[in-house]
Amino acid sequence: MKTSLILTLVGPDSPGLVSTVAARARAAGGNWLESRMAQLAGQFAGVVLLEVDADKADTLEAALRELEGDGLQVQLQRGSERPAAAQHPVVLDLVGHDRPGIVQDITAVLSRHGVSVETLETACEPGSMNGEPMFRAKARLGVPEGLDLHTVQDDLEALANELMVDLELHDPLQEPPEAVA
């Protein structure tokens, strides 16, 4: 039987850090399934999904906890075995002038409709025309089966107008995307 292990790391970045994590996982019989890693504000931050035989999970956890001696904050969580509710994938793309609260405002609408955020990538970068900070977000959403996506889209359209952002909500299984402004 296999066990999922979710590893979160935060700490000083250094060459070879990812290789060290991967080597410890491999040595303990772990299989690296998914990860998201970035250097943020001079620090390394990463989330990794590992899979390991259940009888080797404690060995893998101990090997990964040894990384704390290198100045890393290490969090480990075993995955749950409960089946996920049926969800329909939808992609959300957003761009607009940066301001505090965009993520909270958008996710509040999604939460109200029972839509889960499966992945979220954001960045703040200079605009091409005037150099003003532009906020960009791309999210993969899980929409509960049976939920009318047009209702969610209507609420997002109202918010997009208020926030003055451009927003696209589209089904990756169907094209073309619908622009919301």
N, C-alpha and C. Protein backbone atom coordinates (compact mmCIF):
# COMPACT_ATOMS: atom_id res chain seq x y z
N MET A 1 0.84 -1.18 0.00
CA MET A 1 0.00 0.00 0.00
C MET A 1 0.89 1.24 0.00
N LYS A 2 0.48 2.23 -0.78
CA LYS A 2 1.24 3.48 -0.91
C LYS A 2 0.64 4.56 -0.01
N THR A 3 1.49 5.47 0.42
CA THR A 3 1.09 6.61 1.22
C THR A 3 1.58 7.88 0.54
N SER A 4 0.73 8.89 0.49
CA SER A 4 1.12 10.20 -0.04
C SER A 4 1.67 11.05 1.09
N LEU A 5 2.71 11.78 0.81
CA LEU A 5 3.33 12.66 1.78
C LEU A 5 3.51 14.03 1.14
N ILE A 6 2.97 15.06 1.78
CA ILE A 6 3.09 16.42 1.27
C ILE A 6 4.16 17.13 2.09
N LEU A 7 5.17 17.61 1.40
CA LEU A 7 6.32 18.27 2.01
C LEU A 7 6.29 19.75 1.65
N THR A 8 6.41 20.61 2.65
CA THR A 8 6.53 22.05 2.43
C THR A 8 7.86 22.50 3.01
N LEU A 9 8.62 23.23 2.22
CA LEU A 9 9.94 23.73 2.62
C LEU A 9 9.99 25.23 2.44
N VAL A 10 10.57 25.93 3.40
CA VAL A 10 10.82 27.36 3.27
C VAL A 10 12.14 27.64 3.97
N GLY A 11 13.02 28.39 3.30
CA GLY A 11 14.28 28.75 3.93
C GLY A 11 15.25 29.35 2.94
N PRO A 12 16.47 29.57 3.39
CA PRO A 12 17.48 30.17 2.53
C PRO A 12 17.73 29.32 1.28
N ASP A 13 17.79 29.98 0.14
CA ASP A 13 18.04 29.27 -1.11
C ASP A 13 19.53 28.99 -1.24
N SER A 14 19.83 27.84 -1.82
CA SER A 14 21.23 27.50 -2.08
C SER A 14 21.29 26.52 -3.24
N PRO A 15 22.37 26.57 -4.02
CA PRO A 15 22.51 25.62 -5.12
C PRO A 15 22.49 24.19 -4.58
N GLY A 16 21.78 23.31 -5.26
CA GLY A 16 21.73 21.91 -4.87
C GLY A 16 20.64 21.57 -3.87
N LEU A 17 19.87 22.55 -3.45
CA LEU A 17 18.83 22.30 -2.46
C LEU A 17 17.80 21.29 -2.95
N VAL A 18 17.29 21.49 -4.15
CA VAL A 18 16.29 20.58 -4.71
C VAL A 18 16.89 19.20 -4.90
N SER A 19 18.13 19.14 -5.34
CA SER A 19 18.81 17.85 -5.52
C SER A 19 18.93 17.11 -4.19
N THR A 20 19.23 17.83 -3.12
CA THR A 20 19.34 17.22 -1.79
C THR A 20 18.00 16.63 -1.36
N VAL A 21 16.93 17.38 -1.57
CA VAL A 21 15.59 16.89 -1.21
C VAL A 21 15.26 15.64 -2.03
N ALA A 22 15.53 15.71 -3.33
CA ALA A 22 15.23 14.58 -4.21
C ALA A 22 16.05 13.34 -3.83
N ALA A 23 17.30 13.54 -3.46
CA ALA A 23 18.15 12.41 -3.08
C ALA A 23 17.64 11.74 -1.81
N ARG A 24 17.20 12.54 -0.83
CA ARG A 24 16.66 11.96 0.40
C ARG A 24 15.36 11.20 0.13
N ALA A 25 14.54 11.75 -0.72
CA ALA A 25 13.29 11.07 -1.07
C ALA A 25 13.59 9.74 -1.75
N ARG A 26 14.49 9.76 -2.70
CA ARG A 26 14.83 8.53 -3.44
C ARG A 26 15.45 7.48 -2.53
N ALA A 27 16.38 7.92 -1.67
CA ALA A 27 17.07 6.97 -0.78
C ALA A 27 16.09 6.26 0.17
N ALA A 28 15.01 6.94 0.51
CA ALA A 28 14.01 6.35 1.42
C ALA A 28 12.90 5.63 0.66
N GLY A 29 13.05 5.51 -0.67
CA GLY A 29 12.06 4.80 -1.47
C GLY A 29 10.90 5.65 -1.92
N GLY A 30 11.03 6.96 -1.79
CA GLY A 30 9.95 7.87 -2.19
C GLY A 30 9.96 8.15 -3.68
N ASN A 31 8.78 8.39 -4.22
CA ASN A 31 8.62 8.75 -5.63
C ASN A 31 8.10 10.19 -5.69
N TRP A 32 8.78 11.06 -6.39
CA TRP A 32 8.45 12.48 -6.54
C TRP A 32 7.35 12.58 -7.58
N LEU A 33 6.13 13.01 -7.19
CA LEU A 33 5.00 13.07 -8.11
C LEU A 33 4.73 14.47 -8.64
N GLU A 34 4.66 15.45 -7.77
CA GLU A 34 4.33 16.82 -8.18
C GLU A 34 5.10 17.79 -7.30
N SER A 35 5.33 18.99 -7.83
CA SER A 35 5.97 20.02 -7.01
C SER A 35 5.71 21.40 -7.58
N ARG A 36 5.79 22.37 -6.71
CA ARG A 36 5.76 23.79 -7.07
C ARG A 36 6.86 24.43 -6.24
N MET A 37 7.78 25.11 -6.89
CA MET A 37 8.91 25.71 -6.18
C MET A 37 9.20 27.08 -6.76
N ALA A 38 9.68 27.96 -5.89
CA ALA A 38 10.02 29.31 -6.35
C ALA A 38 10.96 29.97 -5.35
N GLN A 39 11.69 30.95 -5.86
CA GLN A 39 12.46 31.82 -4.99
C GLN A 39 11.60 33.06 -4.79
N LEU A 40 11.23 33.32 -3.55
CA LEU A 40 10.37 34.45 -3.22
C LEU A 40 11.06 35.30 -2.17
N ALA A 41 11.29 36.57 -2.48
CA ALA A 41 11.91 37.52 -1.56
C ALA A 41 13.21 36.97 -0.99
N GLY A 42 14.00 36.32 -1.84
CA GLY A 42 15.29 35.80 -1.42
C GLY A 42 15.25 34.48 -0.68
N GLN A 43 14.09 33.91 -0.53
CA GLN A 43 13.94 32.63 0.16
C GLN A 43 13.44 31.58 -0.81
N PHE A 44 13.81 30.33 -0.56
CA PHE A 44 13.29 29.21 -1.34
C PHE A 44 11.99 28.76 -0.69
N ALA A 45 10.98 28.51 -1.51
CA ALA A 45 9.71 27.98 -1.02
C ALA A 45 9.29 26.86 -1.96
N GLY A 46 8.91 25.73 -1.39
CA GLY A 46 8.51 24.61 -2.23
C GLY A 46 7.47 23.74 -1.57
N VAL A 47 6.65 23.14 -2.41
CA VAL A 47 5.67 22.16 -1.99
C VAL A 47 5.86 20.95 -2.89
N VAL A 48 5.99 19.78 -2.29
CA VAL A 48 6.26 18.56 -3.05
C VAL A 48 5.30 17.47 -2.60
N LEU A 49 4.75 16.75 -3.57
CA LEU A 49 3.93 15.56 -3.28
C LEU A 49 4.79 14.34 -3.58
N LEU A 50 5.00 13.56 -2.55
CA LEU A 50 5.78 12.33 -2.67
C LEU A 50 4.86 11.14 -2.41
N GLU A 51 5.23 9.99 -2.95
CA GLU A 51 4.51 8.75 -2.68
C GLU A 51 5.54 7.72 -2.24
N VAL A 52 5.18 6.94 -1.22
CA VAL A 52 6.11 5.97 -0.67
C VAL A 52 5.31 4.77 -0.15
N ASP A 53 5.95 3.61 -0.12
CA ASP A 53 5.30 2.46 0.51
C ASP A 53 5.00 2.81 1.96
N ALA A 54 3.84 2.41 2.44
CA ALA A 54 3.39 2.78 3.79
C ALA A 54 4.41 2.39 4.86
N ASP A 55 5.07 1.25 4.68
CA ASP A 55 6.03 0.81 5.70
C ASP A 55 7.34 1.60 5.67
N LYS A 56 7.53 2.47 4.67
CA LYS A 56 8.74 3.29 4.57
C LYS A 56 8.45 4.77 4.83
N ALA A 57 7.20 5.10 5.12
CA ALA A 57 6.82 6.51 5.30
C ALA A 57 7.54 7.16 6.47
N ASP A 58 7.67 6.45 7.58
CA ASP A 58 8.35 7.03 8.74
C ASP A 58 9.83 7.29 8.44
N THR A 59 10.46 6.40 7.69
CA THR A 59 11.87 6.58 7.31
C THR A 59 12.01 7.81 6.42
N LEU A 60 11.10 7.96 5.48
CA LEU A 60 11.14 9.13 4.58
C LEU A 60 10.93 10.41 5.38
N GLU A 61 9.97 10.42 6.28
CA GLU A 61 9.72 11.61 7.10
C GLU A 61 10.97 11.98 7.90
N ALA A 62 11.62 11.01 8.51
CA ALA A 62 12.82 11.28 9.31
C ALA A 62 13.93 11.86 8.44
N ALA A 63 14.11 11.30 7.24
CA ALA A 63 15.15 11.80 6.34
C ALA A 63 14.88 13.25 5.93
N LEU A 64 13.62 13.57 5.69
CA LEU A 64 13.27 14.94 5.28
C LEU A 64 13.37 15.91 6.45
N ARG A 65 13.06 15.47 7.64
CA ARG A 65 13.16 16.35 8.82
C ARG A 65 14.61 16.74 9.10
N GLU A 66 15.57 15.91 8.68
CA GLU A 66 16.99 16.24 8.87
C GLU A 66 17.37 17.52 8.13
N LEU A 67 16.57 17.92 7.13
CA LEU A 67 16.84 19.16 6.39
C LEU A 67 16.69 20.39 7.28
N GLU A 68 15.97 20.25 8.39
CA GLU A 68 15.81 21.39 9.30
C GLU A 68 17.16 21.86 9.85
N GLY A 69 18.14 20.96 9.90
CA GLY A 69 19.48 21.33 10.34
C GLY A 69 20.18 22.27 9.37
N ASP A 70 19.68 22.34 8.14
CA ASP A 70 20.24 23.24 7.13
C ASP A 70 19.54 24.60 7.11
N GLY A 71 18.73 24.88 8.13
CA GLY A 71 18.05 26.17 8.22
C GLY A 71 16.71 26.22 7.51
N LEU A 72 16.23 25.08 7.04
CA LEU A 72 14.93 25.04 6.37
C LEU A 72 13.81 24.78 7.37
N GLN A 73 12.67 25.38 7.11
CA GLN A 73 11.46 25.03 7.85
C GLN A 73 10.81 23.90 7.06
N VAL A 74 10.58 22.78 7.70
CA VAL A 74 10.04 21.60 7.05
C VAL A 74 8.70 21.25 7.68
N GLN A 75 7.68 21.15 6.84
CA GLN A 75 6.35 20.70 7.28
C GLN A 75 6.01 19.45 6.49
N LEU A 76 5.49 18.44 7.15
CA LEU A 76 5.10 17.20 6.50
C LEU A 76 3.66 16.87 6.86
N GLN A 77 2.92 16.42 5.89
CA GLN A 77 1.52 16.04 6.10
C GLN A 77 1.23 14.81 5.25
N ARG A 78 0.63 13.82 5.84
CA ARG A 78 0.23 12.65 5.06
C ARG A 78 -1.06 12.99 4.32
N GLY A 79 -1.17 12.49 3.10
CA GLY A 79 -2.35 12.73 2.29
C GLY A 79 -3.56 11.99 2.83
N SER A 80 -4.73 12.46 2.46
CA SER A 80 -5.96 11.81 2.91
C SER A 80 -6.38 10.76 1.89
N GLU A 81 -7.10 9.80 2.34
CA GLU A 81 -7.56 8.72 1.48
C GLU A 81 -8.99 8.91 1.01
N ARG A 82 -9.64 9.98 1.46
CA ARG A 82 -11.04 10.17 1.07
C ARG A 82 -11.13 10.60 -0.40
N PRO A 83 -12.12 10.07 -1.09
CA PRO A 83 -12.26 10.43 -2.50
C PRO A 83 -12.72 11.88 -2.66
N ALA A 84 -12.20 12.51 -3.69
CA ALA A 84 -12.58 13.90 -3.97
C ALA A 84 -13.97 13.94 -4.59
N ALA A 85 -14.71 15.00 -4.30
CA ALA A 85 -16.03 15.19 -4.91
C ALA A 85 -15.85 15.45 -6.40
N ALA A 86 -16.85 15.08 -7.17
CA ALA A 86 -16.79 15.29 -8.62
C ALA A 86 -16.68 16.79 -8.91
N GLN A 87 -15.68 17.15 -9.68
CA GLN A 87 -15.43 18.55 -10.03
C GLN A 87 -15.20 18.65 -11.52
N HIS A 88 -15.65 19.77 -12.07
CA HIS A 88 -15.43 20.05 -13.48
C HIS A 88 -14.31 21.09 -13.57
N PRO A 89 -13.25 20.85 -14.36
CA PRO A 89 -12.15 21.81 -14.42
C PRO A 89 -12.51 23.06 -15.23
N VAL A 90 -12.12 24.21 -14.69
CA VAL A 90 -12.31 25.49 -15.35
C VAL A 90 -11.05 26.31 -15.11
N VAL A 91 -10.65 27.12 -16.09
CA VAL A 91 -9.46 27.95 -15.97
C VAL A 91 -9.88 29.42 -15.86
N LEU A 92 -9.24 30.12 -14.95
CA LEU A 92 -9.48 31.55 -14.76
C LEU A 92 -8.18 32.29 -15.04
N ASP A 93 -8.21 33.27 -15.93
CA ASP A 93 -7.07 34.14 -16.21
C ASP A 93 -7.48 35.57 -15.86
N LEU A 94 -6.60 36.28 -15.18
CA LEU A 94 -6.92 37.64 -14.73
C LEU A 94 -5.70 38.52 -14.93
N VAL A 95 -5.92 39.76 -15.36
CA VAL A 95 -4.86 40.76 -15.44
C VAL A 95 -5.47 42.13 -15.14
N GLY A 96 -4.76 42.93 -14.39
CA GLY A 96 -5.23 44.28 -14.07
C GLY A 96 -4.18 45.02 -13.27
N HIS A 97 -4.41 46.31 -13.05
CA HIS A 97 -3.48 47.09 -12.23
C HIS A 97 -3.46 46.51 -10.83
N ASP A 98 -2.26 46.41 -10.29
CA ASP A 98 -2.11 45.81 -8.97
C ASP A 98 -2.73 46.68 -7.89
N ARG A 99 -3.35 46.02 -6.94
CA ARG A 99 -3.87 46.68 -5.74
C ARG A 99 -4.12 45.61 -4.70
N PRO A 100 -4.03 45.94 -3.42
CA PRO A 100 -4.29 44.94 -2.39
C PRO A 100 -5.73 44.42 -2.47
N GLY A 101 -5.89 43.12 -2.22
CA GLY A 101 -7.23 42.55 -2.09
C GLY A 101 -7.77 41.83 -3.31
N ILE A 102 -7.07 41.83 -4.44
CA ILE A 102 -7.61 41.20 -5.64
C ILE A 102 -7.85 39.70 -5.40
N VAL A 103 -6.85 39.01 -4.85
CA VAL A 103 -6.99 37.56 -4.64
C VAL A 103 -8.14 37.28 -3.68
N GLN A 104 -8.24 38.04 -2.61
CA GLN A 104 -9.31 37.80 -1.64
C GLN A 104 -10.67 38.05 -2.26
N ASP A 105 -10.82 39.11 -3.03
CA ASP A 105 -12.11 39.43 -3.63
C ASP A 105 -12.55 38.34 -4.62
N ILE A 106 -11.64 37.89 -5.47
CA ILE A 106 -11.97 36.86 -6.45
C ILE A 106 -12.28 35.53 -5.77
N THR A 107 -11.43 35.13 -4.82
CA THR A 107 -11.64 33.84 -4.16
C THR A 107 -12.87 33.85 -3.27
N ALA A 108 -13.29 35.01 -2.78
CA ALA A 108 -14.52 35.07 -1.99
C ALA A 108 -15.73 34.72 -2.87
N VAL A 109 -15.74 35.22 -4.10
CA VAL A 109 -16.83 34.89 -5.03
C VAL A 109 -16.81 33.39 -5.33
N LEU A 110 -15.62 32.86 -5.60
CA LEU A 110 -15.52 31.44 -5.91
C LEU A 110 -15.97 30.58 -4.72
N SER A 111 -15.54 30.94 -3.55
CA SER A 111 -15.91 30.20 -2.34
C SER A 111 -17.42 30.21 -2.10
N ARG A 112 -18.03 31.35 -2.34
CA ARG A 112 -19.48 31.47 -2.16
C ARG A 112 -20.25 30.48 -3.03
N HIS A 113 -19.66 30.11 -4.16
CA HIS A 113 -20.31 29.17 -5.09
C HIS A 113 -19.81 27.73 -4.89
N GLY A 114 -18.94 27.52 -3.91
CA GLY A 114 -18.43 26.17 -3.66
C GLY A 114 -17.36 25.74 -4.65
N VAL A 115 -16.76 26.70 -5.35
CA VAL A 115 -15.72 26.41 -6.33
C VAL A 115 -14.37 26.35 -5.60
N SER A 116 -13.61 25.28 -5.84
CA SER A 116 -12.31 25.16 -5.18
C SER A 116 -11.19 25.63 -6.11
N VAL A 117 -10.15 26.18 -5.51
CA VAL A 117 -8.97 26.61 -6.24
C VAL A 117 -7.98 25.44 -6.17
N GLU A 118 -7.75 24.80 -7.32
CA GLU A 118 -6.85 23.65 -7.36
C GLU A 118 -5.40 24.08 -7.54
N THR A 119 -5.17 25.07 -8.39
CA THR A 119 -3.84 25.67 -8.53
C THR A 119 -4.03 27.17 -8.72
N LEU A 120 -3.08 27.93 -8.25
CA LEU A 120 -3.11 29.39 -8.41
C LEU A 120 -1.69 29.88 -8.60
N GLU A 121 -1.46 30.58 -9.69
CA GLU A 121 -0.17 31.20 -9.95
C GLU A 121 -0.40 32.69 -10.13
N THR A 122 0.35 33.50 -9.40
CA THR A 122 0.20 34.95 -9.50
C THR A 122 1.57 35.59 -9.68
N ALA A 123 1.56 36.79 -10.25
CA ALA A 123 2.79 37.56 -10.41
C ALA A 123 2.41 39.03 -10.51
N CYS A 124 3.32 39.86 -10.09
CA CYS A 124 3.18 41.30 -10.23
C CYS A 124 4.39 41.75 -11.04
N GLU A 125 4.11 42.37 -12.20
CA GLU A 125 5.20 42.76 -13.10
C GLU A 125 4.89 44.11 -13.72
N PRO A 126 5.93 44.80 -14.19
CA PRO A 126 5.71 46.11 -14.80
C PRO A 126 4.87 45.99 -16.07
N GLY A 127 3.93 46.93 -16.24
CA GLY A 127 3.12 46.97 -17.45
C GLY A 127 3.96 47.36 -18.65
N SER A 128 3.56 46.90 -19.83
CA SER A 128 4.36 47.15 -21.03
C SER A 128 4.31 48.61 -21.49
N MET A 129 3.21 49.29 -21.25
CA MET A 129 3.08 50.66 -21.75
C MET A 129 3.67 51.70 -20.80
N ASN A 130 3.31 51.64 -19.53
CA ASN A 130 3.73 52.71 -18.62
C ASN A 130 4.57 52.21 -17.44
N GLY A 131 4.82 50.92 -17.36
CA GLY A 131 5.64 50.40 -16.29
C GLY A 131 4.93 50.26 -14.96
N GLU A 132 3.66 50.65 -14.89
CA GLU A 132 2.91 50.49 -13.64
C GLU A 132 2.74 49.01 -13.33
N PRO A 133 2.74 48.65 -12.05
CA PRO A 133 2.62 47.24 -11.68
C PRO A 133 1.28 46.63 -12.15
N MET A 134 1.41 45.52 -12.86
CA MET A 134 0.24 44.77 -13.32
C MET A 134 0.20 43.44 -12.58
N PHE A 135 -0.97 43.10 -12.09
CA PHE A 135 -1.17 41.85 -11.38
C PHE A 135 -1.73 40.83 -12.36
N ARG A 136 -1.13 39.65 -12.37
CA ARG A 136 -1.59 38.57 -13.24
C ARG A 136 -1.86 37.34 -12.38
N ALA A 137 -2.93 36.64 -12.72
CA ALA A 137 -3.26 35.40 -12.01
C ALA A 137 -3.80 34.39 -13.00
N LYS A 138 -3.44 33.15 -12.76
CA LYS A 138 -3.98 32.04 -13.53
C LYS A 138 -4.33 30.96 -12.51
N ALA A 139 -5.56 30.49 -12.57
CA ALA A 139 -6.02 29.48 -11.62
C ALA A 139 -6.73 28.36 -12.34
N ARG A 140 -6.52 27.17 -11.84
CA ARG A 140 -7.31 26.02 -12.28
C ARG A 140 -8.31 25.79 -11.15
N LEU A 141 -9.57 25.79 -11.53
CA LEU A 141 -10.65 25.71 -10.55
C LEU A 141 -11.37 24.37 -10.68
N GLY A 142 -11.91 23.93 -9.57
CA GLY A 142 -12.77 22.75 -9.55
C GLY A 142 -14.19 23.21 -9.28
N VAL A 143 -15.04 23.12 -10.29
CA VAL A 143 -16.44 23.56 -10.18
C VAL A 143 -17.30 22.33 -9.88
N PRO A 144 -18.07 22.36 -8.79
CA PRO A 144 -18.91 21.21 -8.47
C PRO A 144 -19.85 20.86 -9.62
N GLU A 145 -19.98 19.56 -9.88
CA GLU A 145 -20.91 19.11 -10.92
C GLU A 145 -22.31 19.63 -10.58
N GLY A 146 -23.00 20.11 -11.58
CA GLY A 146 -24.35 20.62 -11.39
C GLY A 146 -24.43 22.11 -11.15
N LEU A 147 -23.31 22.76 -10.82
CA LEU A 147 -23.31 24.21 -10.60
C LEU A 147 -23.37 24.91 -11.96
N ASP A 148 -24.27 25.87 -12.09
CA ASP A 148 -24.39 26.64 -13.33
C ASP A 148 -23.22 27.62 -13.41
N LEU A 149 -22.31 27.35 -14.33
CA LEU A 149 -21.11 28.17 -14.48
C LEU A 149 -21.45 29.61 -14.86
N HIS A 150 -22.58 29.82 -15.53
CA HIS A 150 -22.98 31.19 -15.90
C HIS A 150 -23.27 32.04 -14.67
N THR A 151 -23.76 31.44 -13.61
CA THR A 151 -24.01 32.18 -12.37
C THR A 151 -22.69 32.67 -11.78
N VAL A 152 -21.69 31.79 -11.75
CA VAL A 152 -20.37 32.16 -11.25
C VAL A 152 -19.79 33.26 -12.14
N GLN A 153 -19.91 33.08 -13.45
CA GLN A 153 -19.37 34.06 -14.39
C GLN A 153 -20.04 35.42 -14.20
N ASP A 154 -21.35 35.46 -13.99
CA ASP A 154 -22.04 36.74 -13.77
C ASP A 154 -21.48 37.45 -12.54
N ASP A 155 -21.28 36.71 -11.45
CA ASP A 155 -20.72 37.32 -10.24
C ASP A 155 -19.29 37.81 -10.47
N LEU A 156 -18.50 37.03 -11.21
CA LEU A 156 -17.13 37.45 -11.50
C LEU A 156 -17.11 38.67 -12.42
N GLU A 157 -18.03 38.74 -13.38
CA GLU A 157 -18.11 39.91 -14.27
C GLU A 157 -18.37 41.18 -13.47
N ALA A 158 -19.31 41.11 -12.53
CA ALA A 158 -19.62 42.28 -11.70
C ALA A 158 -18.39 42.71 -10.91
N LEU A 159 -17.68 41.74 -10.35
CA LEU A 159 -16.47 42.05 -9.58
C LEU A 159 -15.36 42.57 -10.48
N ALA A 160 -15.20 41.98 -11.67
CA ALA A 160 -14.16 42.43 -12.60
C ALA A 160 -14.36 43.90 -12.96
N ASN A 161 -15.61 44.30 -13.17
CA ASN A 161 -15.90 45.70 -13.46
C ASN A 161 -15.53 46.59 -12.29
N GLU A 162 -15.85 46.14 -11.08
CA GLU A 162 -15.55 46.91 -9.88
C GLU A 162 -14.03 47.03 -9.66
N LEU A 163 -13.30 45.93 -9.89
CA LEU A 163 -11.86 45.92 -9.69
C LEU A 163 -11.09 46.52 -10.87
N MET A 164 -11.78 46.69 -11.99
CA MET A 164 -11.17 47.15 -13.23
C MET A 164 -10.04 46.22 -13.67
N VAL A 165 -10.40 44.93 -13.77
CA VAL A 165 -9.47 43.92 -14.26
C VAL A 165 -10.11 43.20 -15.44
N ASP A 166 -9.28 42.60 -16.28
CA ASP A 166 -9.77 41.74 -17.35
C ASP A 166 -9.70 40.31 -16.83
N LEU A 167 -10.75 39.58 -17.08
CA LEU A 167 -10.86 38.24 -16.53
C LEU A 167 -11.43 37.31 -17.58
N GLU A 168 -10.83 36.15 -17.75
CA GLU A 168 -11.35 35.12 -18.64
C GLU A 168 -11.65 33.88 -17.81
N LEU A 169 -12.79 33.33 -18.01
CA LEU A 169 -13.19 32.09 -17.35
C LEU A 169 -13.54 31.13 -18.47
N HIS A 170 -12.82 30.03 -18.57
CA HIS A 170 -13.11 29.11 -19.66
C HIS A 170 -12.90 27.66 -19.26
N ASP A 171 -13.61 26.83 -19.96
CA ASP A 171 -13.55 25.40 -19.79
C ASP A 171 -12.42 24.89 -20.68
N PRO A 172 -11.39 24.25 -20.12
CA PRO A 172 -10.29 23.80 -20.97
C PRO A 172 -10.72 22.70 -21.94
N LEU A 173 -11.87 22.10 -21.71
CA LEU A 173 -12.37 21.06 -22.59
C LEU A 173 -13.18 21.63 -23.74
N GLN A 174 -13.52 22.92 -23.62
CA GLN A 174 -14.28 23.61 -24.68
C GLN A 174 -13.60 24.93 -24.96
N GLU A 175 -13.57 25.35 -26.16
CA GLU A 175 -12.99 26.63 -26.55
C GLU A 175 -14.02 27.39 -27.35
N PRO A 176 -13.96 28.64 -27.57
CA PRO A 176 -12.95 29.60 -27.12
C PRO A 176 -13.33 30.17 -25.74
N PRO A 177 -12.35 30.80 -25.06
CA PRO A 177 -12.63 31.43 -23.77
C PRO A 177 -13.50 32.67 -23.93
N GLU A 178 -14.25 32.96 -22.89
CA GLU A 178 -15.09 34.16 -22.89
C GLU A 178 -14.38 35.23 -22.07
N ALA A 179 -14.21 36.41 -22.63
CA ALA A 179 -13.56 37.50 -21.94
C ALA A 179 -14.57 38.21 -21.05
N VAL A 180 -14.12 38.57 -19.86
CA VAL A 180 -14.95 39.30 -18.91
C VAL A 180 -14.20 40.56 -18.55
N ALA A 181 -14.85 41.71 -18.66
CA ALA A 181 -14.18 42.96 -18.32
C ALA A 181 -15.03 43.78 -17.40
